[in-house]
Amino acid sequence: MEIPLTSPGPDAAHAFRLGLRAGAVVGIAGIMALYYFGVIELLFAGYALLVLFPVYLVFVAVVLSVWLGYDKDATALRPVYRRN
């Protein structure tokens, strides 16, 4: 039995945006809390914000996209033709 292929709707798009924003707030709050409590230095906090935080956001986006049904595999691909 095959699962019918349906595309995610506007509710999934809203949930994705909300989840990405929530993930960003949690990430920034985590870095700020680590700096506030003296676990990390200012230099590493800056490094985390500039280098590690974007990678964290990519992982959040990947998890949300899989959870909300945006992930597609090779069976979802269709050939592209150019019209002259």
C-alpha atoms as a PDB file:
ATOM      1  CA  MET A   1       0.000   0.000   0.000  1.00  0.00           C
ATOM      2  CA  GLU A   2       1.448   3.311  -1.054  1.00  0.00           C
ATOM      3  CA  ILE A   3       1.160   6.467   0.967  1.00  0.00           C
ATOM      4  CA  PRO A   4      -0.544   9.216  -1.030  1.00  0.00           C
ATOM      5  CA  LEU A   5       1.807  12.082  -1.841  1.00  0.00           C
ATOM      6  CA  THR A   6       0.413  15.329  -0.518  1.00  0.00           C
ATOM      7  CA  SER A   7       2.240  18.588  -0.165  1.00  0.00           C
ATOM      8  CA  PRO A   8       2.403  20.359   3.172  1.00  0.00           C
ATOM      9  CA  GLY A   9      -0.133  23.129   3.498  1.00  0.00           C
ATOM     10  CA  PRO A  10      -0.088  26.643   4.892  1.00  0.00           C
ATOM     11  CA  ASP A  11      -0.300  25.362   8.457  1.00  0.00           C
ATOM     12  CA  ALA A  12       2.958  23.465   7.962  1.00  0.00           C
ATOM     13  CA  ALA A  13       4.585  26.603   6.552  1.00  0.00           C
ATOM     14  CA  HIS A  14       3.445  28.583   9.590  1.00  0.00           C
ATOM     15  CA  ALA A  15       4.664  25.851  11.952  1.00  0.00           C
ATOM     16  CA  PHE A  16       8.035  25.806  10.176  1.00  0.00           C
ATOM     17  CA  ARG A  17       8.479  29.580  10.538  1.00  0.00           C
ATOM     18  CA  LEU A  18       7.381  29.472  14.176  1.00  0.00           C
ATOM     19  CA  GLY A  19       9.657  26.523  14.939  1.00  0.00           C
ATOM     20  CA  LEU A  20      12.632  28.194  13.287  1.00  0.00           C
ATOM     21  CA  ARG A  21      12.055  31.378  15.271  1.00  0.00           C
ATOM     22  CA  ALA A  22      11.643  29.417  18.494  1.00  0.00           C
ATOM     23  CA  GLY A  23      14.824  27.488  17.745  1.00  0.00           C
ATOM     24  CA  ALA A  24      16.693  30.739  17.155  1.00  0.00           C
ATOM     25  CA  VAL A  25      15.459  32.202  20.442  1.00  0.00           C
ATOM     26  CA  VAL A  26      16.418  29.042  22.336  1.00  0.00           C
ATOM     27  CA  GLY A  27      19.875  28.999  20.725  1.00  0.00           C
ATOM     28  CA  ILE A  28      20.620  32.642  21.475  1.00  0.00           C
ATOM     29  CA  ALA A  29      19.238  32.326  25.014  1.00  0.00           C
ATOM     30  CA  GLY A  30      21.427  29.260  25.553  1.00  0.00           C
ATOM     31  CA  ILE A  31      24.570  31.060  24.449  1.00  0.00           C
ATOM     32  CA  MET A  32      23.667  34.089  26.566  1.00  0.00           C
ATOM     33  CA  ALA A  33      22.992  31.910  29.607  1.00  0.00           C
ATOM     34  CA  LEU A  34      26.316  30.113  29.220  1.00  0.00           C
ATOM     35  CA  TYR A  35      28.108  33.461  29.037  1.00  0.00           C
ATOM     36  CA  TYR A  36      26.115  34.941  31.926  1.00  0.00           C
ATOM     37  CA  PHE A  37      26.924  32.044  34.245  1.00  0.00           C
ATOM     38  CA  GLY A  38      30.585  32.135  33.274  1.00  0.00           C
ATOM     39  CA  VAL A  39      30.725  28.787  31.521  1.00  0.00           C
ATOM     40  CA  ILE A  40      32.116  30.353  28.336  1.00  0.00           C
ATOM     41  CA  GLU A  41      34.195  33.462  27.689  1.00  0.00           C
ATOM     42  CA  LEU A  42      33.123  36.429  25.564  1.00  0.00           C
ATOM     43  CA  LEU A  43      35.389  35.364  22.701  1.00  0.00           C
ATOM     44  CA  PHE A  44      33.836  31.889  22.520  1.00  0.00           C
ATOM     45  CA  ALA A  45      30.341  33.364  22.836  1.00  0.00           C
ATOM     46  CA  GLY A  46      31.084  35.517  19.788  1.00  0.00           C
ATOM     47  CA  TYR A  47      32.490  32.510  17.951  1.00  0.00           C
ATOM     48  CA  ALA A  48      29.384  30.514  18.837  1.00  0.00           C
ATOM     49  CA  LEU A  49      27.102  33.270  17.546  1.00  0.00           C
ATOM     50  CA  LEU A  50      28.998  33.824  14.311  1.00  0.00           C
ATOM     51  CA  VAL A  51      30.072  30.279  13.406  1.00  0.00           C
ATOM     52  CA  LEU A  52      28.164  27.661  15.389  1.00  0.00           C
ATOM     53  CA  PHE A  53      24.750  29.324  15.557  1.00  0.00           C
ATOM     54  CA  PRO A  54      24.096  29.236  11.777  1.00  0.00           C
ATOM     55  CA  VAL A  55      24.989  25.531  11.714  1.00  0.00           C
ATOM     56  CA  TYR A  56      22.600  24.973  14.625  1.00  0.00           C
ATOM     57  CA  LEU A  57      19.851  26.761  12.681  1.00  0.00           C
ATOM     58  CA  VAL A  58      20.443  24.494   9.676  1.00  0.00           C
ATOM     59  CA  PHE A  59      19.992  21.450  11.919  1.00  0.00           C
ATOM     60  CA  VAL A  60      16.799  22.954  13.360  1.00  0.00           C
ATOM     61  CA  ALA A  61      15.502  23.564   9.838  1.00  0.00           C
ATOM     62  CA  VAL A  62      16.307  19.992   8.801  1.00  0.00           C
ATOM     63  CA  VAL A  63      14.518  18.508  11.802  1.00  0.00           C
ATOM     64  CA  LEU A  64      11.484  20.727  11.265  1.00  0.00           C
ATOM     65  CA  SER A  65      11.325  19.969   7.548  1.00  0.00           C
ATOM     66  CA  VAL A  66      11.382  16.225   8.143  1.00  0.00           C
ATOM     67  CA  TRP A  67       8.835  16.474  10.933  1.00  0.00           C
ATOM     68  CA  LEU A  68       6.451  18.638   8.898  1.00  0.00           C
ATOM     69  CA  GLY A  69       6.699  16.589   5.708  1.00  0.00           C
ATOM     70  CA  TYR A  70       8.881  18.811   3.553  1.00  0.00           C
ATOM     71  CA  ASP A  71      11.444  16.051   3.023  1.00  0.00           C
ATOM     72  CA  LYS A  72      11.368  14.505  -0.410  1.00  0.00           C
ATOM     73  CA  ASP A  73      13.315  11.595  -1.807  1.00  0.00           C
ATOM     74  CA  ALA A  74      14.294  10.598  -5.323  1.00  0.00           C
ATOM     75  CA  THR A  75      10.790   9.348  -6.120  1.00  0.00           C
ATOM     76  CA  ALA A  76       9.435  12.902  -5.828  1.00  0.00           C
ATOM     77  CA  LEU A  77      11.687  14.145  -8.623  1.00  0.00           C
ATOM     78  CA  ARG A  78      10.233  14.778 -12.047  1.00  0.00           C
ATOM     79  CA  PRO A  79      12.136  15.383 -15.284  1.00  0.00           C
ATOM     80  CA  VAL A  80      12.484  18.977 -16.366  1.00  0.00           C
ATOM     81  CA  TYR A  81      12.019  19.873 -20.003  1.00  0.00           C
ATOM     82  CA  ARG A  82      12.897  23.132 -21.660  1.00  0.00           C
ATOM     83  CA  ARG A  83      10.337  24.578 -24.035  1.00  0.00           C
ATOM     84  CA  ASN A  84      11.740  26.346 -27.076  1.00  0.00           C
END
